[in-house]
N, C-alpha and C. Protein backbone atom coordinates (compact mmCIF):
# COMPACT_ATOMS: atom_id res chain seq x y z
N MET A 1 128.27 138.69 112.37
CA MET A 1 128.37 139.84 111.58
C MET A 1 129.84 140.27 111.85
N ILE A 2 130.55 140.42 110.45
CA ILE A 2 131.97 140.99 110.70
C ILE A 2 132.04 142.36 110.77
N TRP A 3 132.86 142.89 111.72
CA TRP A 3 133.05 144.53 111.75
C TRP A 3 134.32 144.60 111.41
N HIS A 4 134.61 145.98 110.68
CA HIS A 4 135.99 146.48 110.23
C HIS A 4 135.84 147.80 110.80
N TRP A 5 137.17 148.10 111.43
CA TRP A 5 137.43 149.42 111.81
C TRP A 5 137.77 150.17 110.55
N VAL A 6 137.67 151.67 110.65
CA VAL A 6 138.12 152.45 109.83
C VAL A 6 139.55 152.62 109.91
N PHE A 7 140.01 152.72 111.25
CA PHE A 7 141.52 152.85 111.46
C PHE A 7 141.84 151.77 112.53
N PRO A 8 142.00 150.54 111.85
CA PRO A 8 142.34 149.31 112.61
C PRO A 8 143.74 149.48 113.43
N ALA A 9 143.91 148.93 114.65
CA ALA A 9 145.14 148.73 115.42
C ALA A 9 145.90 147.77 114.66
N SER A 10 147.34 148.07 114.66
CA SER A 10 148.24 147.02 113.88
C SER A 10 148.29 145.88 114.73
N ARG A 11 148.13 145.56 116.02
CA ARG A 11 148.22 144.39 116.69
C ARG A 11 146.73 143.84 116.98
N THR A 12 146.91 142.52 117.18
CA THR A 12 145.62 141.76 117.62
C THR A 12 145.96 141.25 119.00
N HIS A 13 144.83 140.67 119.62
CA HIS A 13 144.84 140.23 120.77
C HIS A 13 143.84 138.89 120.90
N VAL A 14 143.98 138.03 121.73
CA VAL A 14 143.18 136.83 121.96
C VAL A 14 142.20 137.21 122.98
N ASP A 15 140.93 137.08 122.82
CA ASP A 15 139.88 137.31 123.72
C ASP A 15 139.91 136.17 124.67
N ALA A 16 139.99 136.44 125.82
CA ALA A 16 140.10 135.18 126.97
C ALA A 16 138.68 134.60 127.06
N ALA A 17 137.59 135.13 126.91
CA ALA A 17 136.38 134.48 127.02
C ALA A 17 136.02 133.49 125.85
N THR A 18 136.52 133.89 124.63
CA THR A 18 136.17 133.21 123.54
C THR A 18 137.35 132.38 122.74
N GLY A 19 138.62 132.90 123.11
CA GLY A 19 139.64 132.42 122.25
C GLY A 19 139.89 132.90 121.04
N LYS A 20 139.06 133.78 120.62
CA LYS A 20 139.15 134.37 119.31
C LYS A 20 140.10 135.41 119.15
N GLU A 21 140.72 135.50 118.11
CA GLU A 21 141.73 136.64 117.84
C GLU A 21 140.88 137.98 117.44
N ARG A 22 141.25 138.92 117.84
CA ARG A 22 140.47 140.18 117.81
C ARG A 22 141.32 141.24 117.58
N ARG A 23 140.83 142.30 116.89
CA ARG A 23 141.48 143.66 116.56
C ARG A 23 140.81 144.74 117.06
N HIS A 24 141.38 145.89 117.77
CA HIS A 24 140.67 146.77 118.08
C HIS A 24 140.85 148.01 117.43
N HIS A 25 140.33 149.23 117.41
CA HIS A 25 140.64 150.33 116.69
C HIS A 25 141.89 151.20 117.12
N LEU A 26 142.45 152.08 116.37
CA LEU A 26 143.58 152.82 116.89
C LEU A 26 142.94 153.76 118.10
N HIS A 27 143.88 154.08 119.03
CA HIS A 27 143.50 154.93 120.03
C HIS A 27 143.38 156.50 119.30
N GLU A 28 142.68 157.23 119.88
CA GLU A 28 142.42 158.64 119.22
C GLU A 28 143.68 159.52 119.26
N SER A 29 144.63 159.25 120.12
CA SER A 29 145.75 160.14 120.18
C SER A 29 146.71 159.74 118.98
N VAL A 30 146.69 158.49 118.67
CA VAL A 30 147.52 158.16 117.44
C VAL A 30 146.85 158.91 116.04
N LEU A 31 145.64 158.96 115.83
CA LEU A 31 145.26 159.51 114.79
C LEU A 31 145.32 161.14 114.83
N GLN A 32 145.27 161.56 115.92
CA GLN A 32 145.43 163.05 116.22
C GLN A 32 147.02 163.35 115.84
N ARG A 33 147.95 162.58 116.50
CA ARG A 33 149.19 162.74 116.02
C ARG A 33 149.64 162.74 114.69
N ALA A 34 148.99 161.60 114.03
CA ALA A 34 149.34 161.52 112.66
C ALA A 34 148.64 162.87 111.87
N VAL A 35 147.56 163.42 112.20
CA VAL A 35 147.02 164.62 111.43
C VAL A 35 147.99 165.64 111.77
N ARG A 36 148.61 165.97 113.03
CA ARG A 36 149.38 167.00 113.23
C ARG A 36 150.73 166.92 112.49
N GLN A 37 151.26 165.65 112.18
CA GLN A 37 152.46 165.40 111.64
C GLN A 37 152.22 165.60 109.98
N ALA A 38 151.13 165.16 109.56
CA ALA A 38 150.84 165.54 108.22
C ALA A 38 150.74 166.98 107.86
N ALA A 39 150.10 167.72 108.70
CA ALA A 39 150.03 169.00 108.54
C ALA A 39 151.35 169.90 108.69
N ALA A 40 152.21 169.24 109.55
CA ALA A 40 153.55 169.93 109.41
C ALA A 40 154.28 169.61 108.29
N ARG A 41 154.27 168.12 107.90
CA ARG A 41 155.02 168.00 106.63
C ARG A 41 154.43 168.80 105.45
N ALA A 42 153.09 169.19 105.48
CA ALA A 42 152.47 169.92 104.29
C ALA A 42 152.85 171.49 104.56
N HIS A 43 153.48 171.77 105.71
CA HIS A 43 153.73 173.18 105.95
C HIS A 43 152.48 174.08 106.19
N VAL A 44 151.48 173.53 106.85
CA VAL A 44 150.36 174.17 107.21
C VAL A 44 150.48 175.08 108.45
N ALA A 45 150.36 176.11 108.48
CA ALA A 45 150.56 177.10 109.54
C ALA A 45 149.65 177.01 110.68
N GLN A 46 148.42 176.63 110.40
CA GLN A 46 147.44 176.55 111.34
C GLN A 46 147.45 175.20 112.12
N VAL A 47 146.94 175.21 113.32
CA VAL A 47 146.78 174.09 114.11
C VAL A 47 145.66 173.13 113.33
N ALA A 48 146.03 171.87 113.15
CA ALA A 48 145.29 170.86 112.41
C ALA A 48 145.00 169.69 113.44
N THR A 49 143.79 169.34 113.35
CA THR A 49 143.20 168.16 114.03
C THR A 49 142.18 167.48 113.33
N PRO A 50 141.90 166.14 113.59
CA PRO A 50 140.81 165.46 113.00
C PRO A 50 139.45 166.21 113.15
N HIS A 51 139.10 167.02 114.03
CA HIS A 51 138.05 167.72 114.10
C HIS A 51 138.19 168.97 113.10
N THR A 52 139.20 169.42 112.87
CA THR A 52 139.31 170.56 111.70
C THR A 52 138.84 169.97 110.39
N MET A 53 139.06 168.64 110.25
CA MET A 53 138.75 168.05 108.89
C MET A 53 137.35 167.90 108.91
N ARG A 54 136.52 167.72 109.98
CA ARG A 54 135.17 167.53 109.88
C ARG A 54 134.43 168.98 109.55
N HIS A 55 135.04 170.06 110.23
CA HIS A 55 134.52 171.39 109.73
C HIS A 55 134.81 171.60 108.17
N TYR A 56 135.93 171.34 107.88
CA TYR A 56 136.27 171.57 106.33
C TYR A 56 135.18 170.65 105.31
N ALA A 57 135.03 169.66 105.77
CA ALA A 57 134.17 168.86 104.97
C ALA A 57 132.61 169.30 105.11
N GLU A 58 132.21 169.61 106.15
CA GLU A 58 130.93 170.26 106.37
C GLU A 58 130.88 171.57 105.51
N SER A 59 131.83 172.41 105.49
CA SER A 59 131.68 173.65 104.78
C SER A 59 131.58 173.28 103.28
N LEU A 60 132.01 172.28 102.73
CA LEU A 60 131.92 172.00 101.25
C LEU A 60 130.60 171.42 101.10
N ILE A 61 129.92 170.72 102.00
CA ILE A 61 128.66 170.12 101.71
C ILE A 61 127.50 171.11 102.09
N MET A 62 127.58 172.00 102.90
CA MET A 62 126.38 172.82 103.33
C MET A 62 126.25 174.01 102.13
N PRO A 63 125.05 174.08 101.81
CA PRO A 63 124.73 175.13 100.94
C PRO A 63 124.95 176.54 101.34
N SER A 64 125.47 177.49 100.56
CA SER A 64 125.62 178.76 100.97
C SER A 64 124.49 179.72 100.89
């Protein structure tokens, strides 16, 4: 089965056991930094994190 990451790392590595080239996911801090930078570029005054996006999406889905 082929797996694909939602946020893949830019670099690959060779698995020592199998010799196959592999790719991991981004470290969570990379995504957190990207969200903070995007919020700053958009002039968002509140603190923005990936978790903030979860609450925003949930509020749109949940019936009132």
